[in-house]
């Protein structure tokens, strides 16, 4: 089993380079938090509705690492509506690092040219 998570993360990154959203979405809803976080990061590189919608869902993930990756990815996509979701996370979050990540993401979104 050792190395299988790393190999799957490599696969997720390769799928992101090819802009293959559907296979990444399968990882985004899986059991492994590391793979969900990697999927969130990958989805942040593909600015389509499916990516955005899944990232919004992932901001409510029970694992803080996944929430962090989802918030960062929403910042990368830069869609204005994403700021509301990030603000919601920030208002309900206790993890100090994630709160800082939320602030960074909101700044990126506010300064983005994406509608």
N, C-alpha and C. Protein backbone atom coordinates (compact mmCIF):
# COMPACT_ATOMS: atom_id res chain seq x y z
N UNK A 1 0.81 -1.20 0.00
CA UNK A 1 0.00 0.00 0.00
C UNK A 1 0.86 1.26 0.00
N UNK A 2 2.08 1.19 0.56
CA UNK A 2 2.91 2.38 0.64
C UNK A 2 3.17 2.93 -0.75
N UNK A 3 2.99 4.23 -0.88
CA UNK A 3 3.24 4.86 -2.17
C UNK A 3 2.00 5.00 -3.02
N UNK A 4 0.93 4.28 -2.69
CA UNK A 4 -0.25 4.35 -3.54
C UNK A 4 -0.91 5.73 -3.47
N UNK A 5 -0.89 6.38 -2.30
CA UNK A 5 -1.46 7.72 -2.20
C UNK A 5 -0.66 8.69 -3.06
N UNK A 6 0.67 8.59 -3.00
CA UNK A 6 1.52 9.45 -3.80
C UNK A 6 1.26 9.24 -5.29
N UNK A 7 1.12 7.99 -5.70
CA UNK A 7 0.85 7.69 -7.11
C UNK A 7 -0.50 8.26 -7.54
N UNK A 8 -1.49 8.16 -6.65
CA UNK A 8 -2.81 8.72 -6.99
C UNK A 8 -2.75 10.24 -7.07
N UNK A 9 -1.96 10.86 -6.21
CA UNK A 9 -1.81 12.32 -6.27
C UNK A 9 -1.13 12.72 -7.58
N UNK A 10 -0.14 11.94 -8.00
CA UNK A 10 0.49 12.19 -9.30
C UNK A 10 -0.53 12.08 -10.43
N UNK A 11 -1.40 11.08 -10.32
CA UNK A 11 -2.46 10.90 -11.33
C UNK A 11 -3.40 12.10 -11.33
N UNK A 12 -3.78 12.56 -10.15
CA UNK A 12 -4.67 13.73 -10.05
C UNK A 12 -4.01 14.94 -10.71
N UNK A 13 -2.73 15.15 -10.44
CA UNK A 13 -2.01 16.28 -11.03
C UNK A 13 -1.93 16.16 -12.55
N UNK A 14 -1.73 14.94 -13.05
CA UNK A 14 -1.69 14.72 -14.49
C UNK A 14 -3.06 15.00 -15.12
N UNK A 15 -4.12 14.58 -14.43
CA UNK A 15 -5.47 14.86 -14.92
C UNK A 15 -5.73 16.36 -14.96
N UNK A 16 -5.23 17.08 -13.96
CA UNK A 16 -5.41 18.54 -13.91
C UNK A 16 -4.72 19.21 -15.10
N UNK A 17 -3.52 18.74 -15.42
CA UNK A 17 -2.79 19.31 -16.56
C UNK A 17 -3.58 19.12 -17.86
N UNK A 18 -4.32 18.03 -17.94
CA UNK A 18 -5.13 17.75 -19.13
C UNK A 18 -6.53 18.32 -19.02
N UNK A 19 -6.81 19.02 -17.90
CA UNK A 19 -8.13 19.64 -17.66
C UNK A 19 -9.26 18.61 -17.66
N UNK A 20 -8.99 17.42 -17.11
CA UNK A 20 -9.97 16.33 -17.03
C UNK A 20 -10.72 16.43 -15.70
N UNK A 21 -11.83 17.14 -15.67
CA UNK A 21 -12.54 17.41 -14.42
C UNK A 21 -13.22 16.17 -13.85
N UNK A 22 -13.94 15.43 -14.68
CA UNK A 22 -14.76 14.31 -14.16
C UNK A 22 -13.96 13.28 -13.36
N UNK A 23 -12.80 12.82 -13.84
CA UNK A 23 -12.05 11.87 -13.02
C UNK A 23 -11.55 12.49 -11.70
N UNK A 24 -11.23 13.77 -11.73
CA UNK A 24 -10.78 14.45 -10.50
C UNK A 24 -11.94 14.51 -9.49
N UNK A 25 -13.14 14.73 -9.99
CA UNK A 25 -14.31 14.79 -9.10
C UNK A 25 -14.49 13.50 -8.32
N UNK A 26 -14.13 12.37 -8.92
CA UNK A 26 -14.23 11.08 -8.20
C UNK A 26 -13.30 11.07 -6.99
N UNK A 27 -12.09 11.62 -7.15
CA UNK A 27 -11.16 11.70 -6.01
C UNK A 27 -11.66 12.71 -4.97
N UNK A 28 -12.34 13.75 -5.43
CA UNK A 28 -12.82 14.81 -4.54
C UNK A 28 -13.86 14.32 -3.55
N UNK A 29 -14.51 13.21 -3.88
CA UNK A 29 -15.56 12.68 -3.01
C UNK A 29 -15.15 11.37 -2.35
N UNK A 30 -13.89 11.00 -2.47
CA UNK A 30 -13.41 9.74 -1.90
C UNK A 30 -13.20 9.79 -0.40
N UNK A 31 -12.77 8.65 0.14
CA UNK A 31 -12.59 8.52 1.60
C UNK A 31 -11.28 9.13 2.10
N UNK A 32 -10.25 9.16 1.28
CA UNK A 32 -8.92 9.60 1.72
C UNK A 32 -8.81 11.12 1.69
N UNK A 33 -8.57 11.73 2.84
CA UNK A 33 -8.49 13.19 2.94
C UNK A 33 -7.35 13.76 2.11
N UNK A 34 -6.21 13.06 2.05
CA UNK A 34 -5.08 13.55 1.27
C UNK A 34 -5.44 13.63 -0.22
N UNK A 35 -6.20 12.64 -0.68
CA UNK A 35 -6.61 12.64 -2.09
C UNK A 35 -7.68 13.70 -2.33
N UNK A 36 -8.57 13.90 -1.37
CA UNK A 36 -9.58 14.97 -1.52
C UNK A 36 -8.89 16.34 -1.58
N UNK A 37 -7.89 16.53 -0.73
CA UNK A 37 -7.15 17.80 -0.74
C UNK A 37 -6.42 17.99 -2.07
N UNK A 38 -5.80 16.94 -2.56
CA UNK A 38 -5.11 17.01 -3.86
C UNK A 38 -6.10 17.30 -4.98
N UNK A 39 -7.27 16.71 -4.89
CA UNK A 39 -8.31 16.96 -5.90
C UNK A 39 -8.76 18.42 -5.84
N UNK A 40 -8.92 18.95 -4.65
CA UNK A 40 -9.32 20.36 -4.51
C UNK A 40 -8.28 21.27 -5.16
N UNK A 41 -7.02 21.00 -4.86
CA UNK A 41 -5.93 21.81 -5.45
C UNK A 41 -5.98 21.72 -6.97
N UNK A 42 -6.19 20.52 -7.48
CA UNK A 42 -6.26 20.32 -8.93
C UNK A 42 -7.46 21.05 -9.54
N UNK A 43 -8.60 20.98 -8.87
CA UNK A 43 -9.79 21.65 -9.39
C UNK A 43 -9.59 23.16 -9.46
N UNK A 44 -8.75 23.69 -8.59
CA UNK A 44 -8.46 25.13 -8.61
C UNK A 44 -7.72 25.58 -9.85
N UNK A 45 -7.20 24.63 -10.61
CA UNK A 45 -6.50 24.97 -11.85
C UNK A 45 -7.41 24.88 -13.07
N UNK A 46 -8.66 24.45 -12.85
CA UNK A 46 -9.59 24.26 -13.96
C UNK A 46 -10.83 25.11 -13.68
N UNK A 47 -10.92 26.24 -14.32
CA UNK A 47 -11.97 27.21 -14.02
C UNK A 47 -13.24 26.92 -14.83
N UNK A 48 -13.95 25.88 -14.42
CA UNK A 48 -15.25 25.56 -15.02
C UNK A 48 -16.26 25.40 -13.89
N UNK A 49 -17.55 25.44 -14.23
CA UNK A 49 -18.59 25.36 -13.21
C UNK A 49 -18.49 24.12 -12.33
N UNK A 50 -18.17 22.97 -12.93
CA UNK A 50 -18.10 21.73 -12.16
C UNK A 50 -17.03 21.81 -11.08
N UNK A 51 -15.88 22.39 -11.42
CA UNK A 51 -14.81 22.55 -10.44
C UNK A 51 -15.26 23.48 -9.32
N UNK A 52 -15.77 24.63 -9.71
CA UNK A 52 -16.21 25.63 -8.73
C UNK A 52 -17.25 25.04 -7.78
N UNK A 53 -18.25 24.38 -8.33
CA UNK A 53 -19.33 23.83 -7.51
C UNK A 53 -18.81 22.78 -6.52
N UNK A 54 -17.90 21.92 -6.97
CA UNK A 54 -17.34 20.91 -6.07
C UNK A 54 -16.49 21.57 -4.99
N UNK A 55 -15.75 22.59 -5.34
CA UNK A 55 -14.93 23.28 -4.34
C UNK A 55 -15.79 23.93 -3.26
N UNK A 56 -16.92 24.49 -3.65
CA UNK A 56 -17.84 25.07 -2.66
C UNK A 56 -18.28 24.00 -1.67
N UNK A 57 -18.63 22.83 -2.17
CA UNK A 57 -19.02 21.71 -1.31
C UNK A 57 -17.85 21.33 -0.39
N UNK A 58 -16.65 21.31 -0.94
CA UNK A 58 -15.47 20.88 -0.19
C UNK A 58 -15.07 21.86 0.92
N UNK A 59 -15.57 23.08 0.87
CA UNK A 59 -15.27 24.02 1.96
C UNK A 59 -15.94 23.58 3.26
N UNK A 60 -16.84 22.60 3.17
CA UNK A 60 -17.52 22.09 4.36
C UNK A 60 -17.02 20.69 4.76
N UNK A 61 -15.92 20.28 4.17
CA UNK A 61 -15.35 18.96 4.46
C UNK A 61 -14.97 18.87 5.95
N UNK A 62 -15.15 17.68 6.57
CA UNK A 62 -14.77 17.54 7.98
C UNK A 62 -13.27 17.68 8.23
N UNK A 63 -12.45 17.43 7.23
CA UNK A 63 -10.99 17.52 7.38
C UNK A 63 -10.50 18.93 7.07
N UNK A 64 -9.77 19.51 7.99
CA UNK A 64 -9.28 20.88 7.81
C UNK A 64 -8.34 20.98 6.61
N UNK A 65 -7.56 19.95 6.33
CA UNK A 65 -6.64 20.00 5.18
C UNK A 65 -7.41 20.14 3.86
N UNK A 66 -8.56 19.50 3.80
CA UNK A 66 -9.39 19.58 2.58
C UNK A 66 -10.03 20.97 2.49
N UNK A 67 -10.51 21.49 3.61
CA UNK A 67 -11.09 22.84 3.60
C UNK A 67 -10.05 23.87 3.17
N UNK A 68 -8.82 23.72 3.67
CA UNK A 68 -7.74 24.64 3.29
C UNK A 68 -7.51 24.59 1.79
N UNK A 69 -7.40 23.38 1.24
CA UNK A 69 -7.15 23.22 -0.20
C UNK A 69 -8.30 23.79 -1.02
N UNK A 70 -9.53 23.58 -0.56
CA UNK A 70 -10.70 24.08 -1.28
C UNK A 70 -10.74 25.61 -1.29
N UNK A 71 -10.46 26.20 -0.14
CA UNK A 71 -10.45 27.67 -0.05
C UNK A 71 -9.35 28.25 -0.94
N UNK A 72 -8.16 27.66 -0.88
CA UNK A 72 -7.06 28.12 -1.74
C UNK A 72 -7.46 28.01 -3.21
N UNK A 73 -8.09 26.91 -3.56
CA UNK A 73 -8.49 26.69 -4.95
C UNK A 73 -9.55 27.69 -5.39
N UNK A 74 -10.49 28.02 -4.52
CA UNK A 74 -11.48 29.04 -4.86
C UNK A 74 -10.78 30.38 -5.10
N UNK A 75 -9.76 30.66 -4.32
CA UNK A 75 -8.97 31.88 -4.54
C UNK A 75 -8.28 31.86 -5.89
N UNK A 76 -7.77 30.69 -6.29
CA UNK A 76 -7.10 30.57 -7.58
C UNK A 76 -8.08 30.77 -8.73
N UNK A 77 -9.28 30.20 -8.59
CA UNK A 77 -10.28 30.36 -9.65
C UNK A 77 -10.69 31.82 -9.76
N UNK A 78 -10.85 32.49 -8.62
CA UNK A 78 -11.10 33.92 -8.61
C UNK A 78 -12.51 34.36 -8.90
N UNK A 79 -13.44 33.44 -8.93
CA UNK A 79 -14.84 33.79 -9.22
C UNK A 79 -15.41 34.60 -8.05
N UNK A 80 -16.01 35.74 -8.37
CA UNK A 80 -16.49 36.67 -7.34
C UNK A 80 -17.42 36.00 -6.33
N UNK A 81 -18.32 35.14 -6.78
CA UNK A 81 -19.26 34.48 -5.87
C UNK A 81 -18.53 33.60 -4.85
N UNK A 82 -17.33 33.18 -5.17
CA UNK A 82 -16.55 32.35 -4.25
C UNK A 82 -16.22 33.06 -2.96
N UNK A 83 -16.13 34.39 -3.01
CA UNK A 83 -15.79 35.16 -1.82
C UNK A 83 -16.81 34.95 -0.71
N UNK A 84 -18.10 34.85 -1.06
CA UNK A 84 -19.14 34.62 -0.05
C UNK A 84 -18.94 33.28 0.65
N UNK A 85 -18.57 32.26 -0.11
CA UNK A 85 -18.35 30.94 0.48
C UNK A 85 -17.12 30.95 1.38
N UNK A 86 -16.08 31.64 0.93
CA UNK A 86 -14.87 31.73 1.74
C UNK A 86 -15.14 32.52 3.03
N UNK A 87 -15.92 33.58 2.92
CA UNK A 87 -16.28 34.35 4.13
C UNK A 87 -17.06 33.49 5.11
N UNK A 88 -17.92 32.63 4.59
CA UNK A 88 -18.69 31.73 5.46
C UNK A 88 -17.75 30.78 6.21
N UNK A 89 -16.78 30.23 5.50
CA UNK A 89 -15.79 29.37 6.14
C UNK A 89 -15.07 30.15 7.24
N UNK A 90 -14.62 31.35 6.89
CA UNK A 90 -13.85 32.17 7.83
C UNK A 90 -14.67 32.48 9.09
N UNK A 91 -15.95 32.74 8.92
CA UNK A 91 -16.81 33.10 10.05
C UNK A 91 -17.06 31.92 10.99
N UNK A 92 -16.94 30.71 10.47
CA UNK A 92 -17.26 29.52 11.25
C UNK A 92 -16.05 28.66 11.59
N UNK A 93 -14.87 29.15 11.29
CA UNK A 93 -13.66 28.34 11.43
C UNK A 93 -12.92 28.68 12.73
N UNK A 94 -12.31 27.65 13.32
CA UNK A 94 -11.49 27.84 14.52
C UNK A 94 -10.00 27.68 14.24
N UNK A 95 -9.65 27.07 13.10
CA UNK A 95 -8.26 26.86 12.74
C UNK A 95 -7.64 28.17 12.27
N UNK A 96 -6.65 28.67 13.01
CA UNK A 96 -6.04 29.98 12.72
C UNK A 96 -5.40 30.01 11.34
N UNK A 97 -4.74 28.93 10.96
CA UNK A 97 -4.10 28.89 9.64
C UNK A 97 -5.14 28.98 8.53
N UNK A 98 -6.26 28.28 8.69
CA UNK A 98 -7.30 28.32 7.68
C UNK A 98 -7.92 29.71 7.60
N UNK A 99 -8.06 30.39 8.72
CA UNK A 99 -8.59 31.76 8.70
C UNK A 99 -7.67 32.66 7.87
N UNK A 100 -6.34 32.51 8.04
CA UNK A 100 -5.39 33.29 7.25
C UNK A 100 -5.50 32.94 5.76
N UNK A 101 -5.67 31.66 5.48
CA UNK A 101 -5.83 31.21 4.09
C UNK A 101 -7.10 31.83 3.49
N UNK A 102 -8.15 31.90 4.28
CA UNK A 102 -9.41 32.53 3.83
C UNK A 102 -9.17 33.99 3.46
N UNK A 103 -8.42 34.70 4.30
CA UNK A 103 -8.14 36.11 4.03
C UNK A 103 -7.36 36.27 2.72
N UNK A 104 -6.39 35.40 2.51
CA UNK A 104 -5.60 35.42 1.28
C UNK A 104 -6.49 35.13 0.07
N UNK A 105 -7.35 34.13 0.20
CA UNK A 105 -8.23 33.75 -0.92
C UNK A 105 -9.19 34.88 -1.26
N UNK A 106 -9.75 35.52 -0.24
CA UNK A 106 -10.68 36.63 -0.49
C UNK A 106 -9.95 37.76 -1.21
N UNK A 107 -8.74 38.04 -0.79
CA UNK A 107 -7.95 39.08 -1.45
C UNK A 107 -7.73 38.74 -2.93
N UNK A 108 -7.39 37.48 -3.21
CA UNK A 108 -7.20 37.06 -4.61
C UNK A 108 -8.49 37.21 -5.41
N UNK A 109 -9.60 36.81 -4.79
CA UNK A 109 -10.89 36.87 -5.49
C UNK A 109 -11.28 38.33 -5.76
N UNK A 110 -11.13 39.18 -4.76
CA UNK A 110 -11.49 40.60 -4.91
C UNK A 110 -10.66 41.25 -6.03
N UNK A 111 -9.41 40.85 -6.14
CA UNK A 111 -8.52 41.44 -7.14
C UNK A 111 -8.54 40.71 -8.47
N UNK A 112 -9.40 39.71 -8.60
CA UNK A 112 -9.48 38.91 -9.83
C UNK A 112 -10.32 39.62 -10.89
N UNK A 113 -10.02 39.30 -12.13
CA UNK A 113 -10.81 39.83 -13.24
C UNK A 113 -11.98 38.91 -13.58
N UNK A 114 -12.05 37.74 -12.94
CA UNK A 114 -13.10 36.77 -13.22
C UNK A 114 -14.41 37.25 -12.61
N UNK A 115 -15.50 37.04 -13.30
CA UNK A 115 -16.82 37.47 -12.80
C UNK A 115 -17.45 36.43 -11.94
